[in-house]
Amino acid sequence: MPVRMDSDDQWMARAIALARRAEGLTRPNPPVGAVVVRNGKAVGEGYHRKAGGPHAEVIALRMADRLARGATVYISLEPCSTFGRTPPCTDALIEAGVGRVVVSVLDPNPIHRGRGVRLLRRAGMEVSIGVLENHGNETIAPFACWIRNHRPFVTLKMAMSLDARIAGADGRSKWITGSRARAAVQELRSRADAIMVGVGTVLADNPSLICRSRRTRRPARVVVDSLCRTPVRARMLRESGGGRVIIAAGPDAPAARVKALRGAGAAVTVMPASAPGRIDLHALMRMLGKEGYLHVLCEGGGALAGSLVSSGLVDELWTFIAPILLGGGTAKPAFDMEGRPLSSALDLDIIEHVRFCKDLLIRAKPRITGRTRHVHGTC
């Protein structure tokens, strides 16, 4: 259990940390954490582990038992107020006789937003909103994107040289960055519902795209492959331990190739084209959203990265930069996209940069005002 603390911020930080333990495990629900505090000490805590299971508030209240009466409950997301697979958490809080509820962020679903808070206040509880709101919003960003935009949150991960190349003149890309940066990528994979690459990456690197984090995760593997060039003997179709393989094919994909890949175990979905030889990425994201995927991690290569950026589908960019130079010529650029004049350059907001020994991670998002910057260093 946590040590004695008195600050709302400290207890909410604990609730958010609990929620993050379940990132990538709860779809189509958001990750949520809760802590029951009485006289400055935690007497119950929990987090939502999977869809259909008990919610964070219920787990924390069960642990607290009778000590929940009159206590303060810290919750990373507004408690649910309607019946779904489980009863509403507002009922559980009211029945437990909780004295105060502290919420980081309101439910992003406009149908439910604020309803849980109103019910608690109507029952006579004191309710505070907005504690560590930025951190709470970051924790539910994939869920909020899915609710508002009907598509997954897209994180684009790129490992590149200092001159923005993702493979050398010989076509090799393993390994541009060091082991600690690659371990961070595995942790990022463990928080995603699906990992996506272009067929060029499959043909060049033959990746398995298996999540090797200590967390038990099997994210889906998605290949953007307009002509179904993915080999039926590709590692991702042969190796066990990964999630389902989805091939996003174009309308011109040869029927024989579609049949062969389906026979090898892939779920081949024919998508509309945005241009000859190009998948409509907006349609692909809508399809993944309908299937309940909240967070897609794209790991390249350059053509897919450029298309995602040009389509306005990148919600967050993780660039791992190694202190090497690969030069031009046949060395592959990180973003294969049409150039822009400086006046219309895509404007990004750097929200974090982290050292992994010799490598540097820069996290960025499309620019918005008022974002807090974070700086860390590890080696």
Protein backbone atom coordinates (compact mmCIF):
# COMPACT_ATOMS: atom_id res chain seq x y z
CA MET A 1 0.00 0.00 0.00
CA PRO A 2 1.21 3.60 -0.55
CA VAL A 3 2.67 5.53 2.37
CA ARG A 4 0.70 8.27 4.09
CA MET A 5 0.04 11.26 1.81
CA ASP A 6 -2.19 14.31 2.12
CA SER A 7 -2.21 15.93 -1.31
CA ASP A 8 -4.98 15.42 -3.87
CA ASP A 9 -2.29 15.54 -6.57
CA GLN A 10 -0.30 12.74 -4.92
CA TRP A 11 -3.28 10.44 -4.54
CA MET A 12 -4.49 11.14 -8.07
CA ALA A 13 -1.00 10.36 -9.35
CA ARG A 14 -1.35 6.96 -7.67
CA ALA A 15 -4.76 6.38 -9.27
CA ILE A 16 -3.38 7.28 -12.72
CA ALA A 17 -0.34 5.03 -12.19
CA LEU A 18 -2.71 2.17 -11.40
CA ALA A 19 -4.73 2.90 -14.54
CA ARG A 20 -1.60 2.78 -16.70
CA ARG A 21 -0.94 -0.79 -15.61
CA ALA A 22 -3.85 -1.83 -17.83
CA GLU A 23 -3.07 0.26 -20.92
CA GLY A 24 -3.71 -1.89 -23.96
CA LEU A 25 -5.65 -4.51 -21.99
CA THR A 26 -9.12 -3.01 -21.57
CA ARG A 27 -10.43 -2.32 -25.08
CA PRO A 28 -13.01 -1.17 -25.87
CA ASN A 29 -13.01 0.31 -22.35
CA PRO A 30 -10.53 2.94 -21.12
CA PRO A 31 -7.93 2.17 -18.43
CA VAL A 32 -9.07 3.47 -15.02
CA GLY A 33 -7.49 3.48 -11.57
CA ALA A 34 -9.00 4.25 -8.16
CA VAL A 35 -7.74 4.74 -4.60
CA VAL A 36 -9.84 4.90 -1.41
CA VAL A 37 -8.19 7.15 1.19
CA ARG A 38 -9.11 7.50 4.85
CA ASN A 39 -7.22 9.69 7.34
CA GLY A 40 -4.34 10.18 4.91
CA LYS A 41 -3.84 6.47 4.20
CA ALA A 42 -4.90 4.23 1.32
CA VAL A 43 -7.37 1.60 2.52
CA GLY A 44 -8.28 0.26 -0.92
CA GLU A 45 -7.11 0.56 -4.50
CA GLY A 46 -7.62 -1.10 -7.86
CA TYR A 47 -7.67 -0.75 -11.61
CA HIS A 48 -9.87 -2.03 -14.41
CA ARG A 49 -8.04 -5.05 -15.83
CA LYS A 50 -10.20 -6.08 -18.79
CA ALA A 51 -13.56 -5.47 -20.43
CA GLY A 52 -16.31 -7.32 -18.60
CA GLY A 53 -14.35 -7.44 -15.35
CA PRO A 54 -15.00 -5.34 -12.25
CA HIS A 55 -14.24 -1.65 -12.59
CA ALA A 56 -11.50 0.13 -10.66
CA GLU A 57 -13.88 1.74 -8.17
CA VAL A 58 -15.55 -1.57 -7.30
CA ILE A 59 -12.21 -3.30 -6.70
CA ALA A 60 -10.99 -0.45 -4.49
CA LEU A 61 -14.25 -0.31 -2.51
CA ARG A 62 -14.21 -4.07 -1.92
CA MET A 63 -10.70 -3.82 -0.53
CA ALA A 64 -11.65 -0.90 1.71
CA ASP A 65 -14.84 -2.63 2.89
CA ARG A 66 -16.40 -0.69 5.81
CA LEU A 67 -13.54 1.82 5.85
CA ALA A 68 -14.94 3.30 2.63
CA ARG A 69 -17.78 5.01 4.54
CA GLY A 70 -16.93 8.71 4.77
CA ALA A 71 -13.63 8.21 2.89
CA THR A 72 -12.30 10.03 -0.18
CA VAL A 73 -12.06 8.13 -3.45
CA TYR A 74 -9.64 9.24 -6.17
CA ILE A 75 -10.58 8.09 -9.68
CA SER A 76 -8.65 8.75 -12.89
CA LEU A 77 -11.88 8.95 -14.96
CA GLU A 78 -15.43 9.98 -14.14
CA PRO A 79 -17.26 6.90 -12.76
CA CYS A 80 -19.71 5.20 -15.10
CA SER A 81 -23.39 5.88 -14.47
CA THR A 82 -25.16 3.36 -16.72
CA PHE A 83 -25.54 -0.40 -16.86
CA GLY A 84 -23.19 -2.15 -19.28
CA ARG A 85 -21.51 -5.49 -18.66
CA THR A 86 -21.33 -4.39 -15.01
CA PRO A 87 -23.55 -2.19 -12.81
CA PRO A 88 -22.82 1.56 -12.66
CA CYS A 89 -19.96 2.58 -10.39
CA THR A 90 -21.92 5.60 -9.20
CA ASP A 91 -24.30 3.17 -7.46
CA ALA A 92 -21.39 1.39 -5.79
CA LEU A 93 -19.93 4.67 -4.51
CA ILE A 94 -23.29 5.82 -3.16
CA GLU A 95 -24.02 2.48 -1.48
CA ALA A 96 -20.57 2.49 0.14
CA GLY A 97 -21.31 5.85 1.76
CA VAL A 98 -18.24 7.56 0.36
CA GLY A 99 -17.85 11.13 1.58
CA ARG A 100 -15.88 12.71 -1.25
CA VAL A 101 -14.96 11.77 -4.82
CA VAL A 102 -12.02 13.32 -6.69
CA VAL A 103 -12.02 12.87 -10.49
CA SER A 104 -9.17 13.64 -12.87
CA VAL A 105 -11.16 13.87 -16.14
CA LEU A 106 -14.77 13.66 -17.21
CA ASP A 107 -16.03 10.94 -19.55
CA PRO A 108 -15.22 12.03 -23.15
CA ASN A 109 -18.45 10.43 -24.39
CA PRO A 110 -20.90 13.36 -24.73
CA ILE A 111 -23.80 11.04 -23.90
CA HIS A 112 -22.36 10.28 -20.46
CA ARG A 113 -20.11 13.28 -19.81
CA GLY A 114 -20.88 14.83 -16.42
CA ARG A 115 -23.76 12.47 -15.63
CA GLY A 116 -21.81 10.46 -13.06
CA VAL A 117 -20.70 13.63 -11.28
CA ARG A 118 -24.27 14.96 -11.18
CA LEU A 119 -25.59 11.72 -9.68
CA LEU A 120 -22.94 11.73 -6.96
CA ARG A 121 -23.59 15.35 -6.06
CA ARG A 122 -27.34 14.70 -6.03
CA ALA A 123 -26.62 11.94 -3.47
CA GLY A 124 -24.92 14.52 -1.24
CA MET A 125 -21.27 13.77 -2.02
CA GLU A 126 -18.59 16.38 -2.44
CA VAL A 127 -17.06 15.97 -5.93
CA SER A 128 -13.87 17.62 -7.19
CA ILE A 129 -12.92 17.56 -10.88
CA GLY A 130 -9.74 18.27 -12.84
CA VAL A 131 -6.97 17.05 -10.53
CA LEU A 132 -3.93 16.20 -12.71
CA GLU A 133 -6.18 16.69 -15.72
CA ASN A 134 -3.36 16.68 -18.30
CA HIS A 135 -2.09 13.31 -17.06
CA GLY A 136 -5.60 11.92 -16.87
CA ASN A 137 -6.34 12.99 -20.45
CA GLU A 138 -3.11 11.39 -21.68
CA THR A 139 -4.07 8.09 -20.04
CA ILE A 140 -7.41 7.94 -21.87
CA ALA A 141 -6.24 9.57 -25.14
CA PRO A 142 -6.81 6.42 -27.25
CA PHE A 143 -10.30 5.93 -25.81
CA ALA A 144 -11.16 9.61 -26.29
CA CYS A 145 -9.96 9.53 -29.91
CA TRP A 146 -12.05 6.41 -30.55
CA ILE A 147 -15.14 8.00 -29.03
CA ARG A 148 -14.79 11.36 -30.77
CA ASN A 149 -13.30 10.40 -34.13
CA HIS A 150 -14.55 6.80 -34.51
CA ARG A 151 -11.03 5.60 -35.21
CA PRO A 152 -8.02 4.45 -33.18
CA PHE A 153 -5.42 6.80 -31.73
CA VAL A 154 -2.35 6.48 -33.99
CA THR A 155 1.18 6.55 -32.62
CA LEU A 156 3.88 6.65 -35.30
CA LYS A 157 7.20 5.22 -34.14
CA MET A 158 10.33 5.80 -36.22
CA ALA A 159 13.94 4.77 -35.53
CA MET A 160 16.25 6.90 -37.63
CA SER A 161 19.72 8.28 -38.08
CA LEU A 162 20.57 11.88 -37.26
CA ASP A 163 19.99 12.71 -40.94
CA ALA A 164 16.51 11.10 -40.86
CA ARG A 165 17.28 7.79 -42.60
CA ILE A 166 15.63 4.54 -41.53
CA ALA A 167 17.83 2.14 -43.53
CA GLY A 168 21.31 2.28 -45.01
CA ALA A 169 22.28 2.19 -48.67
CA ASP A 170 22.37 -1.62 -48.41
CA GLY A 171 18.76 -1.68 -47.22
CA ARG A 172 19.64 -2.82 -43.70
CA SER A 173 17.87 -1.22 -40.73
CA LYS A 174 18.82 -3.57 -37.85
CA TRP A 175 19.80 -2.06 -35.62
CA ILE A 176 19.86 1.72 -35.99
CA THR A 177 19.21 2.30 -32.29
CA GLY A 178 20.56 0.56 -29.21
CA SER A 179 19.08 -2.05 -26.88
CA ARG A 180 17.57 0.40 -24.40
CA ALA A 181 15.67 2.24 -27.09
CA ARG A 182 14.41 -1.08 -28.46
CA ALA A 183 13.24 -2.07 -24.96
CA ALA A 184 11.25 1.17 -24.83
CA VAL A 185 9.60 0.19 -28.12
CA GLN A 186 8.56 -3.15 -26.63
CA GLU A 187 6.96 -1.29 -23.73
CA LEU A 188 5.16 0.94 -26.23
CA ARG A 189 3.94 -2.15 -28.09
CA SER A 190 2.50 -3.49 -24.85
CA ARG A 191 0.23 -0.44 -24.63
CA ALA A 192 -1.16 -0.75 -28.16
CA ASP A 193 -4.08 -2.77 -29.48
CA ALA A 194 -2.51 -3.23 -32.92
CA ILE A 195 0.91 -2.84 -34.52
CA MET A 196 0.93 -1.68 -38.14
CA VAL A 197 3.58 -1.73 -40.88
CA GLY A 198 3.68 -1.37 -44.61
CA VAL A 199 4.36 -4.31 -46.90
CA GLY A 200 7.78 -2.84 -47.70
CA THR A 201 8.84 -3.43 -44.11
CA VAL A 202 7.56 -7.01 -44.27
CA LEU A 203 9.52 -7.71 -47.47
CA ALA A 204 12.71 -6.03 -46.24
CA ASP A 205 12.82 -7.12 -42.58
CA ASN A 206 10.35 -10.03 -42.23
CA PRO A 207 9.36 -8.95 -38.68
CA SER A 208 7.24 -11.01 -36.32
CA LEU A 209 5.77 -7.89 -34.66
CA ILE A 210 5.30 -9.90 -31.48
CA CYS A 211 5.12 -7.92 -28.25
CA ARG A 212 7.94 -9.21 -26.04
CA SER A 213 7.12 -7.13 -22.98
CA ARG A 214 6.75 -8.87 -19.64
CA ARG A 215 3.07 -7.96 -19.78
CA THR A 216 0.84 -10.60 -21.35
CA ARG A 217 -0.09 -8.84 -24.56
CA ARG A 218 -1.04 -10.06 -28.02
CA PRO A 219 -1.64 -6.94 -30.12
CA ALA A 220 -3.01 -7.53 -33.60
CA ARG A 221 -0.54 -7.17 -36.50
CA VAL A 222 -1.75 -5.04 -39.43
CA VAL A 223 -0.01 -4.93 -42.82
CA VAL A 224 -0.92 -2.26 -45.36
CA ASP A 225 -0.46 -4.27 -48.53
CA SER A 226 -2.46 -3.10 -51.55
CA LEU A 227 -1.43 -6.02 -53.81
CA CYS A 228 -1.10 -8.75 -51.14
CA ARG A 229 2.64 -9.16 -51.62
CA THR A 230 3.09 -10.44 -48.05
CA PRO A 231 4.70 -13.90 -48.33
CA VAL A 232 2.61 -16.78 -47.02
CA ARG A 233 5.75 -17.90 -45.17
CA ALA A 234 6.26 -14.54 -43.46
CA ARG A 235 7.35 -14.82 -39.80
CA MET A 236 4.22 -13.14 -38.51
CA LEU A 237 2.12 -15.88 -40.14
CA ARG A 238 4.31 -18.72 -38.91
CA GLU A 239 5.41 -17.79 -35.39
CA SER A 240 3.08 -18.35 -32.45
CA GLY A 241 2.70 -15.85 -29.63
CA GLY A 242 1.35 -12.90 -31.59
CA GLY A 243 -2.13 -11.51 -32.15
CA ARG A 244 -4.21 -11.94 -35.31
CA VAL A 245 -2.70 -10.79 -38.61
CA ILE A 246 -4.82 -8.36 -40.63
CA ILE A 247 -3.83 -7.69 -44.25
CA ALA A 248 -5.34 -4.45 -45.59
CA ALA A 249 -5.52 -5.18 -49.32
CA GLY A 250 -6.55 -2.93 -52.18
CA PRO A 251 -9.31 -3.51 -54.73
CA ASP A 252 -6.71 -4.60 -57.32
CA ALA A 253 -5.17 -7.32 -55.14
CA PRO A 254 -4.97 -10.60 -57.12
CA ALA A 255 -7.66 -13.01 -55.97
CA ALA A 256 -5.16 -15.86 -55.82
CA ARG A 257 -2.95 -13.90 -53.42
CA VAL A 258 -5.92 -13.01 -51.23
CA LYS A 259 -6.93 -16.67 -51.08
CA ALA A 260 -3.38 -17.82 -50.31
CA LEU A 261 -2.94 -15.38 -47.44
CA ARG A 262 -6.31 -16.31 -45.97
CA GLY A 263 -5.26 -19.94 -46.20
CA ALA A 264 -2.09 -19.06 -44.27
CA GLY A 265 -4.19 -17.65 -41.43
CA ALA A 266 -4.37 -13.95 -42.25
CA ALA A 267 -7.58 -11.94 -42.07
CA VAL A 268 -7.50 -10.21 -45.46
CA THR A 269 -9.77 -7.17 -45.73
CA VAL A 270 -10.17 -5.45 -49.09
CA MET A 271 -10.17 -1.69 -48.58
CA PRO A 272 -10.95 1.13 -51.02
CA ALA A 273 -8.05 2.88 -52.70
CA SER A 274 -7.17 6.55 -52.24
CA ALA A 275 -5.02 6.44 -55.42
CA PRO A 276 -3.70 3.69 -57.68
CA GLY A 277 -1.73 1.27 -55.50
CA ARG A 278 -2.59 3.10 -52.27
CA ILE A 279 -4.95 2.05 -49.48
CA ASP A 280 -7.43 4.62 -48.20
CA LEU A 281 -5.96 4.99 -44.72
CA HIS A 282 -8.98 6.85 -43.38
CA ALA A 283 -11.19 3.90 -44.39
CA LEU A 284 -8.71 1.49 -42.80
CA MET A 285 -8.75 3.40 -39.52
CA ARG A 286 -12.55 3.52 -39.50
CA MET A 287 -12.62 -0.24 -40.02
CA LEU A 288 -10.19 -0.82 -37.14
CA GLY A 289 -12.27 1.51 -34.99
CA LYS A 290 -15.43 -0.48 -35.72
CA GLU A 291 -13.60 -3.61 -34.57
CA GLY A 292 -12.86 -1.93 -31.24
CA TYR A 293 -9.16 -1.10 -31.65
CA LEU A 294 -8.38 1.99 -29.59
CA HIS A 295 -4.65 2.42 -30.19
CA VAL A 296 -2.63 1.59 -33.31
CA LEU A 297 1.16 1.73 -33.21
CA CYS A 298 2.66 2.23 -36.66
CA GLU A 299 6.27 1.11 -37.03
CA GLY A 300 6.87 2.22 -40.62
CA GLY A 301 8.37 2.24 -43.11
CA GLY A 302 8.87 5.54 -44.83
CA ALA A 303 6.07 5.28 -47.40
CA LEU A 304 3.44 4.41 -44.79
CA ALA A 305 4.78 7.02 -42.36
CA GLY A 306 4.60 9.70 -45.05
CA SER A 307 1.07 8.69 -46.02
CA LEU A 308 -0.15 8.75 -42.42
CA VAL A 309 1.35 12.19 -41.83
CA SER A 310 -0.04 13.55 -45.11
CA SER A 311 -3.47 12.14 -44.25
CA GLY A 312 -3.52 13.87 -40.86
CA LEU A 313 -3.85 10.56 -39.03
CA VAL A 314 -0.84 10.76 -36.71
CA ASP A 315 -1.86 11.64 -33.16
CA GLU A 316 1.55 11.18 -31.59
CA LEU A 317 5.04 10.77 -33.04
CA TRP A 318 7.85 8.86 -31.33
CA THR A 319 11.19 9.38 -33.07
CA PHE A 320 14.20 7.46 -31.78
CA ILE A 321 17.28 9.20 -33.16
CA ALA A 322 20.66 7.49 -33.24
CA PRO A 323 23.85 9.60 -33.47
CA ILE A 324 24.86 8.20 -36.86
CA LEU A 325 24.84 9.59 -40.39
CA LEU A 326 23.79 7.45 -43.37
CA GLY A 327 23.83 10.05 -46.14
CA GLY A 328 21.62 10.19 -49.21
CA GLY A 329 21.60 8.06 -52.33
CA THR A 330 19.74 4.80 -51.70
CA ALA A 331 19.57 5.25 -47.91
CA LYS A 332 15.84 5.29 -47.12
CA PRO A 333 14.25 8.50 -45.79
CA ALA A 334 12.09 8.36 -42.67
CA PHE A 335 9.18 10.13 -44.37
CA ASP A 336 8.53 9.38 -48.02
CA MET A 337 6.13 12.23 -48.75
CA GLU A 338 5.72 15.22 -50.97
CA GLY A 339 7.81 18.17 -49.83
CA ARG A 340 6.21 21.28 -48.37
CA PRO A 341 7.28 24.91 -48.46
CA LEU A 342 8.50 26.23 -45.13
CA SER A 343 5.37 28.36 -44.82
CA SER A 344 3.13 25.27 -44.66
CA ALA A 345 5.41 22.89 -42.74
CA LEU A 346 3.62 20.53 -40.37
CA ASP A 347 3.91 22.18 -36.95
CA LEU A 348 4.62 19.82 -34.06
CA ASP A 349 4.76 20.35 -30.33
CA ILE A 350 7.61 18.50 -28.59
CA ILE A 351 6.12 17.16 -25.37
CA GLU A 352 8.99 15.01 -24.13
CA HIS A 353 12.56 14.06 -24.89
CA VAL A 354 14.35 11.17 -23.23
CA ARG A 355 17.92 9.90 -23.44
CA PHE A 356 18.50 6.16 -23.86
CA CYS A 357 22.27 6.10 -23.55
CA LYS A 358 23.45 7.23 -26.99
CA ASP A 359 19.97 7.47 -28.51
CA LEU A 360 17.42 10.25 -28.13
CA LEU A 361 13.65 9.83 -28.08
CA ILE A 362 11.57 12.84 -29.10
CA ARG A 363 7.81 12.62 -28.54
CA ALA A 364 5.73 15.13 -30.45
CA LYS A 365 2.12 15.84 -31.34
CA PRO A 366 0.40 18.19 -33.75
CA ARG A 367 0.80 21.54 -32.06
CA ILE A 368 -1.69 22.78 -29.53
CA THR A 369 -1.19 25.58 -27.02
CA GLY A 370 -0.63 25.15 -23.32
CA ARG A 371 1.03 21.71 -23.38
CA THR A 372 3.52 20.92 -20.61
CA ARG A 373 6.99 19.81 -21.70
CA HIS A 374 8.79 16.97 -19.93
CA VAL A 375 12.53 16.25 -19.98
CA HIS A 376 14.08 13.01 -18.71
CA GLY A 377 17.44 11.28 -19.01
CA THR A 378 18.34 7.63 -18.45
CA CYS A 379 21.43 5.57 -19.13
